[in-house]
Amino acid sequence: RGVRRFPWICNVLLYGGLFAAGDAAQQLLRGQPPDWAQTRRVALVALAFHGNFSYVWLRALERALPGRRPPAVLGKVLCDQLLGAPVAVLAFYTGMSILQRKEDIFSDCKKKFWNTYKTGLMYWPFVQLSNFILIPVHLRTAYTGLCGFVWATFICFSQQSGDGTAKSAFMWLQGEKVNADE
């Protein structure tokens, strides 16, 4: 009921919370003590940008390509991956670098953008296909946030020590040491 009455705030808060939980999950999987400052930075980027961007972006896609017929759905997925995904990846790496007060805020983007974007292409088109076919418009950002939990676990790992590839994430999950900065 609250989501229908206050869709923007409910969707953005859920999205931000799930993204922050993804960061906490990757820290837990690493076996390290929690870095709550890092999780707060992830939450801030997710709340300030990603949740809002997703909310506005998904509604804009629906207005531009309305409906659930295959041409509209495929058009939305294509637009999302060619336009929305690069913006989201760039915003994450740059936003985190700003909050971490890195000297070169574009360093992570330069090193990891293409690998992260290509890895996202193995995940997000399938998420968005189901999103545009099955999920009502007012719940799409929340659904994206739910699926974003898995993505946040990956991208937060990549931002801290991975290289943006699925291979480095799988190596990490198998217990192999991964450090992209070496």
N, C-alpha and C. Protein backbone atom coordinates (compact mmCIF):
# COMPACT_ATOMS: atom_id res chain seq x y z
N ARG A 1 0.82 -1.19 0.00
CA ARG A 1 0.00 0.00 0.00
C ARG A 1 0.87 1.26 0.00
N GLY A 2 1.93 1.25 0.83
CA GLY A 2 2.82 2.40 0.90
C GLY A 2 3.56 2.63 -0.40
N VAL A 3 3.88 1.54 -1.11
CA VAL A 3 4.61 1.67 -2.37
C VAL A 3 3.75 2.38 -3.41
N ARG A 4 2.46 2.11 -3.41
CA ARG A 4 1.57 2.79 -4.36
C ARG A 4 1.36 4.26 -3.96
N ARG A 5 1.33 4.51 -2.68
CA ARG A 5 1.09 5.87 -2.20
C ARG A 5 2.34 6.74 -2.29
N PHE A 6 3.49 6.17 -1.97
CA PHE A 6 4.77 6.88 -2.00
C PHE A 6 5.79 6.08 -2.80
N PRO A 7 5.54 5.89 -4.10
CA PRO A 7 6.40 4.99 -4.87
C PRO A 7 7.86 5.43 -4.94
N TRP A 8 8.10 6.71 -5.11
CA TRP A 8 9.48 7.17 -5.25
C TRP A 8 10.29 6.86 -4.00
N ILE A 9 9.84 7.32 -2.85
CA ILE A 9 10.61 7.16 -1.61
C ILE A 9 10.75 5.69 -1.23
N CYS A 10 9.69 4.91 -1.37
CA CYS A 10 9.76 3.48 -1.03
C CYS A 10 10.75 2.75 -1.93
N ASN A 11 10.68 3.00 -3.23
CA ASN A 11 11.58 2.35 -4.17
C ASN A 11 13.03 2.74 -3.93
N VAL A 12 13.28 4.03 -3.74
CA VAL A 12 14.65 4.52 -3.56
C VAL A 12 15.25 3.99 -2.25
N LEU A 13 14.47 4.01 -1.17
CA LEU A 13 14.98 3.51 0.11
C LEU A 13 15.26 2.01 0.05
N LEU A 14 14.37 1.26 -0.56
CA LEU A 14 14.60 -0.18 -0.70
C LEU A 14 15.83 -0.45 -1.56
N TYR A 15 15.95 0.27 -2.66
CA TYR A 15 17.10 0.11 -3.55
C TYR A 15 18.40 0.40 -2.79
N GLY A 16 18.44 1.53 -2.10
CA GLY A 16 19.64 1.90 -1.35
C GLY A 16 19.99 0.91 -0.26
N GLY A 17 18.98 0.44 0.45
CA GLY A 17 19.21 -0.54 1.51
C GLY A 17 19.75 -1.85 0.98
N LEU A 18 19.20 -2.32 -0.13
CA LEU A 18 19.66 -3.58 -0.71
C LEU A 18 21.07 -3.45 -1.29
N PHE A 19 21.38 -2.30 -1.87
CA PHE A 19 22.72 -2.09 -2.41
C PHE A 19 23.74 -2.08 -1.27
N ALA A 20 23.42 -1.40 -0.17
CA ALA A 20 24.30 -1.38 1.00
C ALA A 20 24.44 -2.79 1.58
N ALA A 21 23.36 -3.55 1.60
CA ALA A 21 23.42 -4.93 2.08
C ALA A 21 24.33 -5.78 1.20
N GLY A 22 24.36 -5.50 -0.10
CA GLY A 22 25.27 -6.20 -1.00
C GLY A 22 26.72 -5.94 -0.64
N ASP A 23 27.03 -4.70 -0.27
CA ASP A 23 28.39 -4.39 0.17
C ASP A 23 28.71 -5.13 1.46
N ALA A 24 27.78 -5.11 2.41
CA ALA A 24 28.01 -5.82 3.68
C ALA A 24 28.19 -7.32 3.43
N ALA A 25 27.44 -7.88 2.49
CA ALA A 25 27.55 -9.30 2.17
C ALA A 25 28.93 -9.64 1.61
N GLN A 26 29.45 -8.78 0.71
CA GLN A 26 30.77 -9.10 0.16
C GLN A 26 31.85 -8.97 1.22
N GLN A 27 31.67 -8.07 2.18
CA GLN A 27 32.63 -7.97 3.28
C GLN A 27 32.57 -9.23 4.14
N LEU A 28 31.36 -9.70 4.41
CA LEU A 28 31.18 -10.92 5.20
C LEU A 28 31.79 -12.12 4.48
N LEU A 29 31.55 -12.22 3.17
CA LEU A 29 32.11 -13.32 2.39
C LEU A 29 33.64 -13.29 2.36
N ARG A 30 34.22 -12.11 2.47
CA ARG A 30 35.67 -11.98 2.50
C ARG A 30 36.25 -12.39 3.84
N GLY A 31 35.40 -12.48 4.86
CA GLY A 31 35.86 -12.85 6.19
C GLY A 31 36.56 -11.72 6.91
N GLN A 32 36.30 -10.50 6.49
CA GLN A 32 36.93 -9.34 7.13
C GLN A 32 35.97 -8.73 8.14
N PRO A 33 36.52 -7.98 9.10
CA PRO A 33 35.61 -7.27 10.00
C PRO A 33 34.82 -6.24 9.21
N PRO A 34 33.61 -5.96 9.62
CA PRO A 34 32.78 -5.01 8.86
C PRO A 34 33.43 -3.63 8.78
N ASP A 35 33.38 -3.06 7.59
CA ASP A 35 33.84 -1.69 7.36
C ASP A 35 32.59 -0.85 7.13
N TRP A 36 32.01 -0.36 8.23
CA TRP A 36 30.75 0.35 8.14
C TRP A 36 30.88 1.67 7.40
N ALA A 37 32.06 2.27 7.43
CA ALA A 37 32.27 3.51 6.67
C ALA A 37 32.14 3.22 5.17
N GLN A 38 32.68 2.09 4.74
CA GLN A 38 32.57 1.70 3.33
C GLN A 38 31.10 1.44 2.97
N THR A 39 30.40 0.73 3.84
CA THR A 39 28.99 0.44 3.58
C THR A 39 28.16 1.73 3.55
N ARG A 40 28.48 2.68 4.42
CA ARG A 40 27.79 3.98 4.38
C ARG A 40 28.04 4.70 3.06
N ARG A 41 29.27 4.64 2.55
CA ARG A 41 29.57 5.28 1.26
C ARG A 41 28.76 4.62 0.14
N VAL A 42 28.70 3.30 0.15
CA VAL A 42 27.91 2.58 -0.85
C VAL A 42 26.44 2.99 -0.74
N ALA A 43 25.93 3.04 0.48
CA ALA A 43 24.53 3.43 0.68
C ALA A 43 24.29 4.85 0.18
N LEU A 44 25.22 5.75 0.43
CA LEU A 44 25.06 7.13 -0.02
C LEU A 44 25.02 7.23 -1.54
N VAL A 45 25.93 6.52 -2.21
CA VAL A 45 25.92 6.52 -3.69
C VAL A 45 24.62 5.91 -4.20
N ALA A 46 24.19 4.81 -3.58
CA ALA A 46 22.95 4.15 -4.01
C ALA A 46 21.72 5.02 -3.77
N LEU A 47 21.67 5.68 -2.63
CA LEU A 47 20.52 6.53 -2.32
C LEU A 47 20.54 7.84 -3.11
N ALA A 48 21.70 8.46 -3.18
CA ALA A 48 21.80 9.76 -3.85
C ALA A 48 21.70 9.65 -5.36
N PHE A 49 22.24 8.57 -5.93
CA PHE A 49 22.21 8.47 -7.38
C PHE A 49 21.43 7.26 -7.88
N HIS A 50 21.90 6.07 -7.59
CA HIS A 50 21.39 4.87 -8.25
C HIS A 50 19.89 4.64 -8.07
N GLY A 51 19.40 4.75 -6.86
CA GLY A 51 17.97 4.55 -6.64
C GLY A 51 17.12 5.57 -7.39
N ASN A 52 17.54 6.83 -7.33
CA ASN A 52 16.81 7.89 -8.04
C ASN A 52 16.93 7.73 -9.55
N PHE A 53 18.14 7.46 -10.02
CA PHE A 53 18.34 7.26 -11.46
C PHE A 53 17.48 6.11 -11.96
N SER A 54 17.50 5.01 -11.24
CA SER A 54 16.72 3.84 -11.64
C SER A 54 15.23 4.17 -11.69
N TYR A 55 14.74 4.87 -10.69
CA TYR A 55 13.33 5.23 -10.63
C TYR A 55 12.92 6.08 -11.83
N VAL A 56 13.68 7.12 -12.10
CA VAL A 56 13.37 8.03 -13.22
C VAL A 56 13.60 7.32 -14.56
N TRP A 57 14.71 6.60 -14.67
CA TRP A 57 15.08 5.92 -15.91
C TRP A 57 14.05 4.88 -16.31
N LEU A 58 13.63 4.04 -15.38
CA LEU A 58 12.67 2.98 -15.72
C LEU A 58 11.32 3.55 -16.13
N ARG A 59 10.92 4.64 -15.52
CA ARG A 59 9.67 5.30 -15.92
C ARG A 59 9.81 5.96 -17.30
N ALA A 60 10.97 6.54 -17.56
CA ALA A 60 11.20 7.16 -18.87
C ALA A 60 11.19 6.09 -19.97
N LEU A 61 11.79 4.95 -19.70
CA LEU A 61 11.76 3.86 -20.68
C LEU A 61 10.33 3.40 -20.95
N GLU A 62 9.54 3.33 -19.90
CA GLU A 62 8.14 2.89 -20.07
C GLU A 62 7.34 3.91 -20.87
N ARG A 63 7.60 5.20 -20.65
CA ARG A 63 6.91 6.23 -21.43
C ARG A 63 7.34 6.18 -22.90
N ALA A 64 8.63 5.99 -23.13
CA ALA A 64 9.15 5.98 -24.50
C ALA A 64 8.74 4.71 -25.26
N LEU A 65 8.72 3.58 -24.57
CA LEU A 65 8.41 2.30 -25.19
C LEU A 65 7.38 1.57 -24.32
N PRO A 66 6.13 2.01 -24.34
CA PRO A 66 5.13 1.44 -23.43
C PRO A 66 4.74 0.00 -23.77
N GLY A 67 4.38 -0.72 -22.72
CA GLY A 67 3.80 -2.04 -22.91
C GLY A 67 4.76 -3.19 -22.68
N ARG A 68 4.18 -4.39 -22.86
CA ARG A 68 4.91 -5.63 -22.61
C ARG A 68 5.04 -6.50 -23.85
N ARG A 69 4.74 -5.91 -25.00
CA ARG A 69 4.90 -6.67 -26.25
C ARG A 69 6.40 -6.81 -26.53
N PRO A 70 6.80 -7.88 -27.21
CA PRO A 70 8.22 -8.14 -27.44
C PRO A 70 9.03 -6.96 -28.02
N PRO A 71 8.53 -6.24 -29.04
CA PRO A 71 9.35 -5.13 -29.55
C PRO A 71 9.61 -4.05 -28.49
N ALA A 72 8.61 -3.73 -27.68
CA ALA A 72 8.77 -2.71 -26.64
C ALA A 72 9.74 -3.20 -25.56
N VAL A 73 9.57 -4.44 -25.13
CA VAL A 73 10.43 -4.99 -24.08
C VAL A 73 11.88 -5.06 -24.56
N LEU A 74 12.09 -5.57 -25.77
CA LEU A 74 13.46 -5.65 -26.29
C LEU A 74 14.07 -4.27 -26.48
N GLY A 75 13.26 -3.31 -26.89
CA GLY A 75 13.74 -1.93 -27.03
C GLY A 75 14.17 -1.36 -25.69
N LYS A 76 13.38 -1.63 -24.64
CA LYS A 76 13.72 -1.14 -23.30
C LYS A 76 15.01 -1.79 -22.80
N VAL A 77 15.14 -3.09 -23.00
CA VAL A 77 16.36 -3.78 -22.56
C VAL A 77 17.57 -3.22 -23.30
N LEU A 78 17.44 -3.03 -24.60
CA LEU A 78 18.55 -2.50 -25.40
C LEU A 78 18.93 -1.09 -24.94
N CYS A 79 17.95 -0.22 -24.78
CA CYS A 79 18.22 1.15 -24.29
C CYS A 79 18.87 1.11 -22.91
N ASP A 80 18.36 0.24 -22.06
CA ASP A 80 18.90 0.15 -20.70
C ASP A 80 20.37 -0.25 -20.73
N GLN A 81 20.70 -1.21 -21.56
CA GLN A 81 22.08 -1.70 -21.59
C GLN A 81 23.04 -0.76 -22.33
N LEU A 82 22.55 -0.08 -23.35
CA LEU A 82 23.42 0.81 -24.11
C LEU A 82 23.55 2.20 -23.50
N LEU A 83 22.52 2.66 -22.79
CA LEU A 83 22.54 4.01 -22.24
C LEU A 83 22.57 4.03 -20.71
N GLY A 84 21.66 3.31 -20.09
CA GLY A 84 21.55 3.35 -18.64
C GLY A 84 22.69 2.65 -17.91
N ALA A 85 23.08 1.48 -18.38
CA ALA A 85 24.13 0.71 -17.69
C ALA A 85 25.47 1.44 -17.63
N PRO A 86 25.94 2.03 -18.74
CA PRO A 86 27.22 2.76 -18.64
C PRO A 86 27.16 3.91 -17.64
N VAL A 87 26.06 4.62 -17.62
CA VAL A 87 25.90 5.73 -16.67
C VAL A 87 25.97 5.20 -15.23
N ALA A 88 25.30 4.10 -14.97
CA ALA A 88 25.27 3.54 -13.61
C ALA A 88 26.66 3.07 -13.17
N VAL A 89 27.39 2.41 -14.06
CA VAL A 89 28.74 1.93 -13.71
C VAL A 89 29.67 3.12 -13.46
N LEU A 90 29.64 4.10 -14.35
CA LEU A 90 30.48 5.29 -14.18
C LEU A 90 30.14 6.02 -12.88
N ALA A 91 28.86 6.16 -12.59
CA ALA A 91 28.44 6.86 -11.37
C ALA A 91 28.90 6.12 -10.12
N PHE A 92 28.84 4.79 -10.15
CA PHE A 92 29.28 4.04 -8.97
C PHE A 92 30.76 4.24 -8.71
N TYR A 93 31.59 3.95 -9.70
CA TYR A 93 33.03 4.06 -9.49
C TYR A 93 33.46 5.49 -9.17
N THR A 94 32.90 6.46 -9.87
CA THR A 94 33.26 7.86 -9.63
C THR A 94 32.74 8.33 -8.27
N GLY A 95 31.49 8.00 -7.96
CA GLY A 95 30.91 8.39 -6.67
C GLY A 95 31.68 7.81 -5.50
N MET A 96 32.05 6.54 -5.60
CA MET A 96 32.82 5.92 -4.52
C MET A 96 34.20 6.57 -4.40
N SER A 97 34.83 6.87 -5.52
CA SER A 97 36.14 7.51 -5.49
C SER A 97 36.07 8.89 -4.85
N ILE A 98 35.02 9.64 -5.15
CA ILE A 98 34.83 10.96 -4.53
C ILE A 98 34.67 10.81 -3.02
N LEU A 99 33.82 9.88 -2.59
CA LEU A 99 33.58 9.70 -1.16
C LEU A 99 34.80 9.14 -0.43
N GLN A 100 35.65 8.42 -1.14
CA GLN A 100 36.88 7.90 -0.55
C GLN A 100 38.02 8.92 -0.63
N ARG A 101 37.73 10.06 -1.22
CA ARG A 101 38.69 11.15 -1.38
C ARG A 101 39.95 10.71 -2.12
N LYS A 102 39.75 9.92 -3.16
CA LYS A 102 40.88 9.50 -3.99
C LYS A 102 41.39 10.69 -4.79
N GLU A 103 42.68 10.71 -5.01
CA GLU A 103 43.28 11.81 -5.76
C GLU A 103 42.77 11.85 -7.19
N ASP A 104 42.73 10.69 -7.84
CA ASP A 104 42.21 10.59 -9.21
C ASP A 104 40.86 9.89 -9.14
N ILE A 105 39.79 10.68 -9.20
CA ILE A 105 38.45 10.09 -9.03
C ILE A 105 38.03 9.23 -10.21
N PHE A 106 38.77 9.29 -11.31
CA PHE A 106 38.43 8.48 -12.48
C PHE A 106 39.32 7.25 -12.62
N SER A 107 40.22 7.02 -11.68
CA SER A 107 41.15 5.91 -11.75
C SER A 107 40.44 4.55 -11.85
N ASP A 108 39.48 4.31 -10.95
CA ASP A 108 38.75 3.04 -10.99
C ASP A 108 37.97 2.90 -12.29
N CYS A 109 37.39 4.00 -12.77
CA CYS A 109 36.65 3.96 -14.04
C CYS A 109 37.58 3.53 -15.17
N LYS A 110 38.76 4.13 -15.22
CA LYS A 110 39.71 3.82 -16.29
C LYS A 110 40.13 2.36 -16.24
N LYS A 111 40.33 1.83 -15.05
CA LYS A 111 40.82 0.46 -14.89
C LYS A 111 39.72 -0.59 -15.04
N LYS A 112 38.51 -0.27 -14.58
CA LYS A 112 37.51 -1.33 -14.39
C LYS A 112 36.22 -1.17 -15.18
N PHE A 113 36.01 -0.01 -15.81
CA PHE A 113 34.73 0.24 -16.46
C PHE A 113 34.35 -0.85 -17.46
N TRP A 114 35.22 -1.09 -18.46
CA TRP A 114 34.84 -2.02 -19.54
C TRP A 114 34.61 -3.43 -19.04
N ASN A 115 35.47 -3.88 -18.13
CA ASN A 115 35.27 -5.22 -17.57
C ASN A 115 33.95 -5.31 -16.80
N THR A 116 33.66 -4.28 -16.01
CA THR A 116 32.42 -4.28 -15.23
C THR A 116 31.21 -4.21 -16.15
N TYR A 117 31.29 -3.36 -17.16
CA TYR A 117 30.18 -3.23 -18.11
C TYR A 117 29.93 -4.57 -18.82
N LYS A 118 30.98 -5.22 -19.29
CA LYS A 118 30.83 -6.51 -19.97
C LYS A 118 30.28 -7.58 -19.03
N THR A 119 30.72 -7.56 -17.78
CA THR A 119 30.18 -8.51 -16.80
C THR A 119 28.69 -8.24 -16.57
N GLY A 120 28.33 -6.97 -16.50
CA GLY A 120 26.92 -6.60 -16.35
C GLY A 120 26.06 -7.09 -17.49
N LEU A 121 26.64 -7.14 -18.69
CA LEU A 121 25.89 -7.64 -19.85
C LEU A 121 25.56 -9.12 -19.74
N MET A 122 26.23 -9.82 -18.84
CA MET A 122 25.91 -11.23 -18.61
C MET A 122 24.79 -11.39 -17.57
N TYR A 123 24.42 -10.30 -16.92
CA TYR A 123 23.45 -10.37 -15.83
C TYR A 123 22.22 -9.50 -16.08
N TRP A 124 22.45 -8.20 -16.31
CA TRP A 124 21.35 -7.25 -16.35
C TRP A 124 20.33 -7.42 -17.47
N PRO A 125 20.71 -7.82 -18.68
CA PRO A 125 19.66 -7.99 -19.69
C PRO A 125 18.60 -9.01 -19.27
N PHE A 126 19.01 -10.06 -18.59
CA PHE A 126 18.05 -11.07 -18.13
C PHE A 126 17.18 -10.54 -16.99
N VAL A 127 17.80 -9.77 -16.11
CA VAL A 127 17.04 -9.14 -15.02
C VAL A 127 16.00 -8.20 -15.61
N GLN A 128 16.43 -7.34 -16.52
CA GLN A 128 15.52 -6.33 -17.06
C GLN A 128 14.46 -6.96 -17.97
N LEU A 129 14.79 -8.02 -18.65
CA LEU A 129 13.79 -8.73 -19.46
C LEU A 129 12.65 -9.20 -18.57
N SER A 130 12.98 -9.84 -17.46
CA SER A 130 11.93 -10.28 -16.54
C SER A 130 11.24 -9.08 -15.90
N ASN A 131 11.98 -8.03 -15.61
CA ASN A 131 11.42 -6.82 -15.02
C ASN A 131 10.35 -6.20 -15.93
N PHE A 132 10.69 -6.01 -17.19
CA PHE A 132 9.78 -5.35 -18.13
C PHE A 132 8.59 -6.22 -18.52
N ILE A 133 8.73 -7.53 -18.40
CA ILE A 133 7.63 -8.44 -18.76
C ILE A 133 6.70 -8.70 -17.56
N LEU A 134 7.27 -8.90 -16.38
CA LEU A 134 6.49 -9.40 -15.25
C LEU A 134 6.13 -8.38 -14.17
N ILE A 135 6.93 -7.35 -14.01
CA ILE A 135 6.79 -6.46 -12.84
C ILE A 135 6.02 -5.20 -13.20
N PRO A 136 5.03 -4.81 -12.36
CA PRO A 136 4.32 -3.55 -12.61
C PRO A 136 5.28 -2.36 -12.50
N VAL A 137 5.00 -1.31 -13.24
CA VAL A 137 5.88 -0.15 -13.32
C VAL A 137 6.22 0.40 -11.93
N HIS A 138 5.24 0.47 -11.04
CA HIS A 138 5.50 1.08 -9.73
C HIS A 138 6.41 0.25 -8.84
N LEU A 139 6.70 -1.00 -9.21
CA LEU A 139 7.59 -1.87 -8.42
C LEU A 139 8.92 -2.16 -9.13
N ARG A 140 9.13 -1.60 -10.29
CA ARG A 140 10.33 -1.95 -11.07
C ARG A 140 11.63 -1.52 -10.41
N THR A 141 11.66 -0.37 -9.79
CA THR A 141 12.89 0.05 -9.12
C THR A 141 13.18 -0.86 -7.94
N ALA A 142 12.16 -1.25 -7.20
CA ALA A 142 12.34 -2.16 -6.07
C ALA A 142 12.86 -3.51 -6.57
N TYR A 143 12.30 -4.01 -7.66
CA TYR A 143 12.76 -5.28 -8.23
C TYR A 143 14.21 -5.16 -8.69
N THR A 144 14.54 -4.05 -9.34
CA THR A 144 15.91 -3.82 -9.78
C THR A 144 16.84 -3.77 -8.57
N GLY A 145 16.38 -3.15 -7.48
CA GLY A 145 17.17 -3.12 -6.25
C GLY A 145 17.37 -4.50 -5.66
N LEU A 146 16.33 -5.32 -5.70
CA LEU A 146 16.43 -6.69 -5.20
C LEU A 146 17.48 -7.46 -5.99
N CYS A 147 17.40 -7.37 -7.30
CA CYS A 147 18.40 -8.03 -8.15
C CYS A 147 19.75 -7.32 -8.03
N GLY A 148 19.70 -6.04 -7.70
CA GLY A 148 20.91 -5.26 -7.51
C GLY A 148 21.72 -5.70 -6.30
N PHE A 149 21.09 -6.40 -5.36
CA PHE A 149 21.82 -6.93 -4.21
C PHE A 149 22.96 -7.83 -4.68
N VAL A 150 22.66 -8.73 -5.61
CA VAL A 150 23.69 -9.62 -6.17
C VAL A 150 24.74 -8.78 -6.90
N TRP A 151 24.28 -7.84 -7.71
CA TRP A 151 25.20 -6.98 -8.47
C TRP A 151 26.06 -6.14 -7.52
N ALA A 152 25.46 -5.62 -6.46
CA ALA A 152 26.21 -4.80 -5.51
C ALA A 152 27.31 -5.61 -4.84
N THR A 153 27.02 -6.87 -4.53
CA THR A 153 28.05 -7.73 -3.95
C THR A 153 29.23 -7.82 -4.90
N PHE A 154 28.95 -8.00 -6.18
CA PHE A 154 30.01 -8.08 -7.19
C PHE A 154 30.73 -6.75 -7.38
N ILE A 155 29.98 -5.67 -7.60
CA ILE A 155 30.63 -4.40 -7.96
C ILE A 155 31.38 -3.80 -6.76
N CYS A 156 30.90 -4.05 -5.55
CA CYS A 156 31.63 -3.58 -4.37
C CYS A 156 32.93 -4.35 -4.20
N PHE A 157 32.89 -5.65 -4.45
CA PHE A 157 34.13 -6.43 -4.46
C PHE A 157 35.07 -5.89 -5.52
N SER A 158 34.56 -5.65 -6.72
CA SER A 158 35.40 -5.15 -7.82
C SER A 158 35.99 -3.79 -7.49
N GLN A 159 35.21 -2.95 -6.86
CA GLN A 159 35.70 -1.61 -6.52
C GLN A 159 36.82 -1.70 -5.49
N GLN A 160 36.73 -2.64 -4.58
CA GLN A 160 37.73 -2.72 -3.52
C GLN A 160 38.96 -3.53 -3.92
N SER A 161 38.79 -4.63 -4.65
CA SER A 161 39.98 -5.42 -4.97
C SER A 161 39.89 -6.22 -6.25
N GLY A 162 38.78 -6.19 -6.94
CA GLY A 162 38.66 -6.95 -8.18
C GLY A 162 39.03 -6.10 -9.38
N ASP A 163 38.89 -6.68 -10.54
CA ASP A 163 39.20 -5.94 -11.77
C ASP A 163 37.96 -5.72 -12.63
N GLY A 164 36.79 -6.03 -12.08
CA GLY A 164 35.55 -5.84 -12.81
C GLY A 164 35.14 -7.03 -13.64
N THR A 165 35.92 -8.12 -13.59
CA THR A 165 35.57 -9.29 -14.39
C THR A 165 34.86 -10.33 -13.53
N ALA A 166 34.03 -11.12 -14.19
CA ALA A 166 33.38 -12.23 -13.50
C ALA A 166 34.44 -13.24 -13.05
N LYS A 167 35.51 -13.38 -13.83
CA LYS A 167 36.58 -14.33 -13.49
C LYS A 167 37.18 -14.00 -12.13
N SER A 168 37.49 -12.73 -11.88
CA SER A 168 38.08 -12.38 -10.58
C SER A 168 37.09 -12.64 -9.44
N ALA A 169 35.81 -12.42 -9.69
CA ALA A 169 34.80 -12.68 -8.66
C ALA A 169 34.71 -14.18 -8.38
N PHE A 170 34.74 -15.00 -9.42
CA PHE A 170 34.68 -16.45 -9.21
C PHE A 170 35.94 -16.95 -8.51
N MET A 171 37.10 -16.40 -8.86
CA MET A 171 38.34 -16.77 -8.17
C MET A 171 38.23 -16.44 -6.69
N TRP A 172 37.69 -15.26 -6.40
CA TRP A 172 37.52 -14.82 -5.01
C TRP A 172 36.58 -15.77 -4.28
N LEU A 173 35.45 -16.13 -4.91
CA LEU A 173 34.49 -17.02 -4.27
C LEU A 173 35.06 -18.41 -4.03
N GLN A 174 36.03 -18.81 -4.84
CA GLN A 174 36.67 -20.11 -4.67
C GLN A 174 37.82 -20.05 -3.67
N GLY A 175 38.04 -18.89 -3.08
CA GLY A 175 39.06 -18.76 -2.05
C GLY A 175 40.43 -18.37 -2.56
N GLU A 176 40.55 -18.07 -3.85
CA GLU A 176 41.84 -17.65 -4.38
C GLU A 176 42.04 -16.17 -4.11
N LYS A 177 43.29 -15.79 -3.89
CA LYS A 177 43.60 -14.39 -3.61
C LYS A 177 43.47 -13.59 -4.91
N VAL A 178 42.76 -12.48 -4.81
CA VAL A 178 42.56 -11.60 -5.96
C VAL A 178 42.92 -10.19 -5.53
N ASN A 179 43.80 -9.56 -6.28
CA ASN A 179 44.11 -8.15 -6.03
C ASN A 179 44.42 -7.51 -7.36
N ALA A 180 43.49 -6.75 -7.86
CA ALA A 180 43.62 -6.13 -9.19
C ALA A 180 44.63 -5.01 -9.20
N ASP A 181 44.99 -4.49 -8.04
CA ASP A 181 45.90 -3.35 -7.99
C ASP A 181 47.36 -3.75 -8.06
N GLU A 182 47.64 -5.04 -8.07
CA GLU A 182 49.04 -5.49 -8.15
C GLU A 182 49.55 -5.40 -9.57
